[in-house]
Protein backbone atom coordinates (compact mmCIF):
# COMPACT_ATOMS: atom_id res chain seq x y z
CA UNK A 1 79.94 106.24 108.44
CA UNK A 2 80.48 103.17 106.35
CA UNK A 3 79.86 99.56 107.60
CA UNK A 4 83.18 99.25 108.92
CA UNK A 5 82.25 95.80 110.87
CA UNK A 6 79.98 94.28 108.19
CA UNK A 7 81.32 91.92 105.49
CA UNK A 8 80.60 93.24 101.65
CA UNK A 9 77.72 90.20 102.01
CA UNK A 10 76.53 90.25 105.41
CA UNK A 11 78.66 87.68 106.83
CA UNK A 12 80.54 88.41 110.03
CA UNK A 13 84.37 86.50 109.25
CA UNK A 14 87.76 86.44 110.34
CA UNK A 15 91.38 85.72 108.85
CA UNK A 16 92.51 82.33 109.58
CA UNK A 17 96.01 82.21 111.44
CA UNK A 18 98.91 82.67 109.60
CA UNK A 19 96.99 84.32 107.15
CA UNK A 20 97.68 88.54 106.15
CA UNK A 21 95.41 91.44 105.34
CA UNK A 22 95.47 93.63 102.35
CA UNK A 23 92.79 96.44 101.48
CA UNK A 24 91.52 97.65 97.85
CA UNK A 25 90.59 101.17 97.34
CA UNK A 26 87.24 101.97 94.83
CA UNK A 27 85.29 104.23 93.94
CA UNK A 28 82.30 105.35 95.90
CA UNK A 29 80.99 107.70 93.19
CA UNK A 30 81.05 104.53 90.99
CA UNK A 31 79.82 102.10 92.91
CA UNK A 32 82.52 101.13 94.73
CA UNK A 33 82.12 100.24 98.59
CA UNK A 34 85.06 102.42 99.76
CA UNK A 35 88.23 100.70 101.44
CA UNK A 36 87.55 96.59 102.04
CA UNK A 37 89.46 94.71 104.12
CA UNK A 38 90.33 90.97 102.34
CA UNK A 39 92.25 88.16 103.88
CA UNK A 40 95.20 87.04 101.66
CA UNK A 41 95.52 83.01 101.66
CA UNK A 42 99.00 82.66 102.65
CA UNK A 43 99.75 79.72 99.97
CA UNK A 44 97.54 80.89 96.82
CA UNK A 45 97.32 84.83 97.13
CA UNK A 46 93.73 84.64 97.06
CA UNK A 47 91.87 87.49 98.19
CA UNK A 48 88.78 87.16 100.85
CA UNK A 49 86.96 90.04 101.52
CA UNK A 50 86.17 90.62 104.96
CA UNK A 51 84.23 93.83 105.25
CA UNK A 52 84.60 97.78 103.71
CA UNK A 53 83.70 101.21 104.56
CA UNK A 54 82.82 104.19 102.89
CA UNK A 55 84.11 106.50 105.29
CA UNK A 56 86.06 108.50 103.08
CA UNK A 57 84.89 109.13 99.61
CA UNK A 58 86.42 107.80 96.73
CA UNK A 59 89.46 106.83 98.16
CA UNK A 60 91.95 106.41 95.17
CA UNK A 61 95.12 105.58 96.64
CA UNK A 62 96.22 103.67 99.90
CA UNK A 63 98.91 103.50 102.42
CA UNK A 64 99.35 101.49 105.28
CA UNK A 65 102.37 101.88 107.81
CA UNK A 66 103.46 98.96 109.18
CA UNK A 67 105.57 101.07 112.50
CA UNK A 68 101.49 101.66 113.88
CA UNK A 69 99.01 99.27 111.48
CA UNK A 70 97.66 102.29 110.14
CA UNK A 71 95.81 102.36 106.99
CA UNK A 72 95.79 105.87 104.95
CA UNK A 73 93.13 106.76 102.15
CA UNK A 74 93.00 109.66 99.75
CA UNK A 75 90.08 111.24 99.12
CA UNK A 76 89.91 112.33 95.04
CA UNK A 77 87.04 114.95 95.43
CA UNK A 78 86.82 118.55 94.46
CA UNK A 79 87.41 119.26 98.27
CA UNK A 80 90.23 116.80 98.83
CA UNK A 81 90.75 115.13 102.21
CA UNK A 82 92.56 112.00 103.85
CA UNK A 83 91.66 109.76 106.46
CA UNK A 84 93.63 107.35 108.62
CA UNK A 85 92.48 103.95 110.05
CA UNK A 86 93.71 101.14 112.68
CA UNK A 87 93.06 98.03 111.03
CA UNK A 88 91.88 94.57 111.91
CA UNK A 89 90.11 91.40 110.61
CA UNK A 90 86.87 93.10 111.51
CA UNK A 91 87.26 96.23 109.58
CA UNK A 92 88.82 99.70 109.83
CA UNK A 93 87.97 101.92 112.55
CA UNK A 94 88.68 106.15 111.54
CA UNK A 95 90.78 108.05 113.70
CA UNK A 96 89.11 111.12 113.64
CA UNK A 97 87.30 113.08 110.39
CA UNK A 98 88.75 113.10 107.66
CA UNK A 99 91.12 115.65 107.21
CA UNK A 100 91.21 118.90 103.97
CA UNK A 101 94.87 118.38 102.48
CA UNK A 102 94.68 121.52 101.00
CA UNK A 103 94.30 120.90 97.09
CA UNK A 104 91.73 119.15 95.04
CA UNK A 105 91.35 115.88 93.29
CA UNK A 106 94.24 113.75 94.82
CA UNK A 107 95.36 110.75 93.12
CA UNK A 108 98.11 109.52 95.54
CA UNK A 109 99.51 109.32 98.81
CA UNK A 110 102.67 108.57 100.71
CA UNK A 111 104.65 108.27 103.97
CA UNK A 112 107.54 109.98 104.84
CA UNK A 113 108.88 109.75 108.61
CA UNK A 114 105.72 111.44 110.23
CA UNK A 115 103.96 113.25 107.67
CA UNK A 116 101.79 112.51 104.92
CA UNK A 117 102.24 113.45 101.49
CA UNK A 118 99.47 113.44 98.81
CA UNK A 119 99.97 114.47 95.11
CA UNK A 120 97.30 116.52 94.14
CA UNK A 121 95.87 116.08 90.08
CA UNK A 122 93.26 118.49 89.98
CA UNK A 123 95.01 121.76 91.42
CA UNK A 124 98.58 120.53 90.33
CA UNK A 125 100.14 121.02 94.07
CA UNK A 126 102.06 118.54 96.57
CA UNK A 127 100.78 118.24 100.37
CA UNK A 128 102.27 117.76 103.42
CA UNK A 129 100.14 116.95 107.33
CA UNK A 130 101.72 116.32 110.24
CA UNK A 131 101.20 112.65 111.77
CA UNK A 132 100.45 112.50 115.36
CA UNK A 133 101.69 109.77 117.66
CA UNK A 134 98.97 107.51 117.23
CA UNK A 135 98.88 107.55 113.62
CA UNK A 136 95.89 110.30 113.56
CA UNK A 137 96.14 113.21 110.59
CA UNK A 138 96.76 116.13 111.99
CA UNK A 139 96.78 120.13 110.27
CA UNK A 140 97.67 122.00 108.97
CA UNK A 141 98.64 121.17 105.32
CA UNK A 142 101.54 122.59 104.18
CA UNK A 143 101.40 122.78 100.43
CA UNK A 144 103.66 123.38 97.49
CA UNK A 145 102.28 124.50 94.04
CA UNK A 146 103.77 123.30 91.01
CA UNK A 147 104.12 125.27 88.31
CA UNK A 148 104.05 125.01 84.05
CA UNK A 149 102.05 123.29 81.13
CA UNK A 150 102.60 120.68 78.30
CA UNK A 151 101.59 120.97 74.77
CA UNK A 152 98.59 118.94 74.93
CA UNK A 153 95.46 121.04 75.26
CA UNK A 154 93.06 119.12 76.59
CA UNK A 155 95.52 117.37 79.57
CA UNK A 156 98.42 119.91 80.05
CA UNK A 157 96.73 123.41 80.40
CA UNK A 158 98.62 123.63 84.15
CA UNK A 159 100.27 121.30 86.21
CA UNK A 160 98.89 117.87 87.59
CA UNK A 161 100.83 116.23 90.01
CA UNK A 162 100.30 112.50 89.84
CA UNK A 163 102.04 110.76 92.69
CA UNK A 164 104.44 111.12 95.25
CA UNK A 165 106.83 109.03 96.69
CA UNK A 166 109.79 109.77 99.00
CA UNK A 167 113.28 108.47 97.63
CA UNK A 168 115.40 105.49 99.50
CA UNK A 169 117.16 107.42 102.83
CA UNK A 170 114.05 109.85 103.07
CA UNK A 171 115.78 112.73 102.10
CA UNK A 172 114.57 113.56 99.43
CA UNK A 173 110.69 113.34 97.76
CA UNK A 174 109.99 112.82 94.16
CA UNK A 175 106.67 114.32 92.86
CA UNK A 176 105.29 113.11 89.29
CA UNK A 177 103.63 115.77 86.79
CA UNK A 178 101.79 114.78 84.13
CA UNK A 179 100.94 118.42 83.11
CA UNK A 180 103.66 119.62 83.24
CA UNK A 181 106.22 116.72 82.11
CA UNK A 182 108.63 116.29 84.90
CA UNK A 183 109.22 115.39 88.23
CA UNK A 184 110.07 117.52 90.63
CA UNK A 185 112.78 116.82 94.03
CA UNK A 186 111.98 118.12 97.27
CA UNK A 187 113.12 118.68 100.47
CA UNK A 188 110.87 118.90 103.80
CA UNK A 189 111.70 121.47 105.89
CA UNK A 190 113.00 119.75 109.16
CA UNK A 191 110.57 122.36 110.65
CA UNK A 192 107.78 122.87 109.05
CA UNK A 193 107.42 119.20 106.99
CA UNK A 194 106.56 121.84 104.28
CA UNK A 195 107.88 120.63 100.70
CA UNK A 196 110.46 122.77 99.11
CA UNK A 197 111.64 122.50 95.87
CA UNK A 198 115.16 121.05 94.79
CA UNK A 199 115.39 120.35 91.45
CA UNK A 200 113.18 119.33 88.44
CA UNK A 201 113.65 117.28 86.10
CA UNK A 202 112.46 117.97 82.49
CA UNK A 203 110.65 114.96 80.38
CA UNK A 204 109.95 114.26 77.14
CA UNK A 205 106.85 116.91 76.02
CA UNK A 206 103.89 116.36 75.74
CA UNK A 207 104.37 112.41 76.99
CA UNK A 208 102.56 112.89 80.60
CA UNK A 209 104.59 111.10 83.00
CA UNK A 210 102.31 109.50 85.65
CA UNK A 211 104.16 107.16 87.91
CA UNK A 212 107.52 105.85 89.01
CA UNK A 213 109.39 103.48 90.84
CA UNK A 214 112.78 102.73 92.17
CA UNK A 215 115.39 100.05 91.25
CA UNK A 216 115.70 98.00 94.49
CA UNK A 217 119.15 99.31 94.19
CA UNK A 218 118.14 102.91 94.93
CA UNK A 219 120.50 104.12 92.23
CA UNK A 220 117.65 103.75 89.61
CA UNK A 221 114.06 104.91 88.74
CA UNK A 222 111.35 104.01 85.89
CA UNK A 223 108.97 106.85 85.05
CA UNK A 224 105.69 105.59 83.12
CA UNK A 225 104.08 108.01 81.16
CA UNK A 226 99.92 108.10 80.48
CA UNK A 227 100.06 110.29 77.22
CA UNK A 228 102.55 108.09 75.63
CA UNK A 229 103.10 104.64 76.26
CA UNK A 230 106.68 104.56 77.29
CA UNK A 231 108.87 103.81 80.16
CA UNK A 232 112.09 106.40 80.89
CA UNK A 233 114.85 105.43 82.70
CA UNK A 234 116.68 107.70 84.92
CA UNK A 235 119.89 107.25 87.20
CA UNK A 236 118.98 108.54 90.70
CA UNK A 237 121.68 110.58 92.52
CA UNK A 238 120.64 110.25 96.11
CA UNK A 239 123.58 112.34 97.70
CA UNK A 240 122.43 115.27 95.43
CA UNK A 241 119.29 115.31 94.80
CA UNK A 242 119.60 114.64 91.06
CA UNK A 243 117.53 112.80 88.60
CA UNK A 244 118.55 111.99 84.97
CA UNK A 245 116.77 110.73 82.24
CA UNK A 246 119.44 108.23 80.04
CA UNK A 247 116.64 106.33 78.04
CA UNK A 248 113.17 105.11 76.54
CA UNK A 249 111.55 102.48 76.29
CA UNK A 250 108.22 101.73 74.60
CA UNK A 251 105.50 99.59 76.32
CA UNK A 252 102.83 99.20 74.31
CA UNK A 253 102.86 99.19 70.20
CA UNK A 254 101.65 102.89 68.80
CA UNK A 255 99.86 104.19 65.69
CA UNK A 256 98.64 100.39 64.71
CA UNK A 257 94.94 100.58 62.58
CA UNK A 258 92.48 99.91 64.76
CA UNK A 259 94.62 99.41 67.84
CA UNK A 260 93.10 100.18 70.79
CA UNK A 261 94.93 103.58 72.14
CA UNK A 262 96.83 103.27 75.38
CA UNK A 263 97.37 104.71 78.74
CA UNK A 264 99.96 103.06 80.77
CA UNK A 265 98.92 103.35 84.62
CA UNK A 266 101.18 101.90 87.04
CA UNK A 267 104.97 100.53 87.29
CA UNK A 268 106.23 97.56 89.48
CA UNK A 269 110.03 96.72 90.13
CA UNK A 270 110.74 93.42 91.14
CA UNK A 271 111.90 93.05 94.82
CA UNK A 272 115.40 91.40 93.45
CA UNK A 273 115.77 93.66 90.37
CA UNK A 274 115.05 91.51 87.61
CA UNK A 275 112.31 92.67 86.35
CA UNK A 276 109.64 95.66 85.87
CA UNK A 277 106.05 95.53 84.97
CA UNK A 278 103.93 97.95 83.77
CA UNK A 279 99.90 98.06 83.42
CA UNK A 280 98.22 99.64 80.46
CA UNK A 281 94.81 100.81 80.44
CA UNK A 282 93.11 100.49 76.75
CA UNK A 283 95.01 97.46 75.48
CA UNK A 284 94.50 95.85 79.14
CA UNK A 285 97.61 94.36 79.43
CA UNK A 286 100.33 93.99 82.46
CA UNK A 287 103.65 94.02 80.53
CA UNK A 288 106.87 92.37 81.46
CA UNK A 289 110.45 93.94 81.25
CA UNK A 290 113.61 92.22 81.86
CA UNK A 291 116.38 93.78 83.79
CA UNK A 292 119.00 90.68 82.14
CA UNK A 293 120.94 93.63 80.40
CA UNK A 294 121.27 96.03 83.55
CA UNK A 295 118.80 97.76 85.53
CA UNK A 296 118.78 100.81 82.98
CA UNK A 297 118.20 98.70 80.50
CA UNK A 298 115.28 97.63 80.45
CA UNK A 299 113.89 94.98 77.48
CA UNK A 300 110.04 94.48 76.67
CA UNK A 301 109.71 90.47 76.78
CA UNK A 302 106.03 90.09 76.62
CA UNK A 303 102.31 91.34 77.86
CA UNK A 304 99.57 89.15 79.23
CA UNK A 305 95.75 90.43 79.76
CA UNK A 306 95.19 92.19 82.99
CA UNK A 307 92.26 90.08 83.83
CA UNK A 308 89.26 92.78 83.44
CA UNK A 309 89.14 96.07 81.82
CA UNK A 310 90.62 99.37 82.81
CA UNK A 311 93.83 97.95 85.19
CA UNK A 312 94.38 101.59 87.22
CA UNK A 313 96.94 100.32 89.05
CA UNK A 314 99.18 97.29 89.58
CA UNK A 315 100.82 96.44 92.74
CA UNK A 316 103.42 93.39 94.04
CA UNK A 317 102.65 91.69 97.74
CA UNK A 318 105.44 91.46 100.06
CA UNK A 319 106.99 88.26 98.47
CA UNK A 320 107.09 89.54 95.40
CA UNK A 321 106.02 86.45 94.25
CA UNK A 322 102.87 87.78 92.73
CA UNK A 323 100.61 91.30 91.06
CA UNK A 324 97.45 92.59 91.77
CA UNK A 325 95.84 94.07 88.85
CA UNK A 326 92.97 96.60 90.08
CA UNK A 327 90.47 96.58 87.67
CA UNK A 328 88.29 99.92 87.78
CA UNK A 329 86.05 99.28 84.56
CA UNK A 330 85.49 95.95 85.13
CA UNK A 331 85.25 95.82 89.07
CA UNK A 332 87.65 93.56 90.00
CA UNK A 333 91.11 92.66 91.27
CA UNK A 334 93.03 90.21 88.99
CA UNK A 335 96.03 88.30 90.19
CA UNK A 336 98.87 86.68 89.15
CA UNK A 337 101.94 83.75 90.00
CA UNK A 338 105.14 85.57 88.54
CA UNK A 339 107.25 82.55 86.73
CA UNK A 340 110.91 83.10 88.84
CA UNK A 341 112.56 82.60 85.60
CA UNK A 342 110.88 84.78 82.69
CA UNK A 343 109.02 87.30 85.22
CA UNK A 344 105.54 86.61 83.17
CA UNK A 345 102.66 86.84 85.34
CA UNK A 346 100.07 84.13 84.89
CA UNK A 347 96.49 84.66 86.33
CA UNK A 348 95.70 82.99 89.03
CA UNK A 349 92.37 84.61 90.13
CA UNK A 350 90.70 87.49 90.75
CA UNK A 351 87.96 88.85 93.26
CA UNK A 352 84.85 91.15 92.77
CA UNK A 353 85.54 95.10 93.84
CA UNK A 354 83.44 97.27 91.95
CA UNK A 355 85.60 100.61 90.63
CA UNK A 356 88.77 99.17 92.05
CA UNK A 357 91.54 101.36 92.34
CA UNK A 358 94.43 100.12 94.02
CA UNK A 359 95.40 97.32 96.24
CA UNK A 360 97.82 98.09 98.95
CA UNK A 361 99.10 95.09 101.50
CA UNK A 362 99.50 94.89 105.46
């Protein structure tokens, strides 16, 4: 069991009145502390680590349920598991032991009603697990195995589900598969909670879709690719459960002599619907795309250093005024103030977090 009640530097701390909490995931196999609880300064957005727990190994992604106050962590291991925690400034308290998700190498999780969903990268599947009234994770997992492959023999020999998210309204679930160059639309069986395939949208072969984000209107989806530095813009029909690609936008230059290879990782749409941001590993940048010409016509307007090395994840705070980059290889989280007119991020601070994987807010 991890040191859930001790500060990361051995001291006890509390959250100042009026502050908020955030949680930082980090790879325990890479020297990380697991899940770090941090205070968020309400004025500056600065993160102050309070405590950490390694009760879940290699927590590559986290999800917070505001209704119950429970935090969920997915364990990106060969066996594949997920854990649940009660939250508070004193640390995280496990709600039972971690539960097997029925897939290997899960990289993402999200909440859909009273179900916990995981995207299992190595096994190429999506799992759905029941949640009890107290937020603890039940069994067994209902698993939908993806099928297919792509042209990249090194990365796409089979399916690799990388993200799973519920669509606005809660009727549909979308899973992004890097191995099959596609996004699947599923419904959850009302009795069993099992994912049921409804449709599959093919994207350009070899691009390796990794993550997506919905525009606040709920009618446009931005799919970010890992194997090519591209963003695919899609129309979303929530009534029919249909995703239609309508265009592509580059998020990094390709082929320039001596330029590092770009591996995009995470995409965020602003809460006011005016901007999209993407984190790009290799170039170690955060790029800004303006939606001034409409949600379906993002225009790349600039890029800034991510503040570290290998930004695995990018998150906006609840106000939408700040961005936080989890820089895995440099072992830190950097935060940025967002210019309200241009959407450009401006570095405001950072905190050490070895092998950082993601940041989520309470």
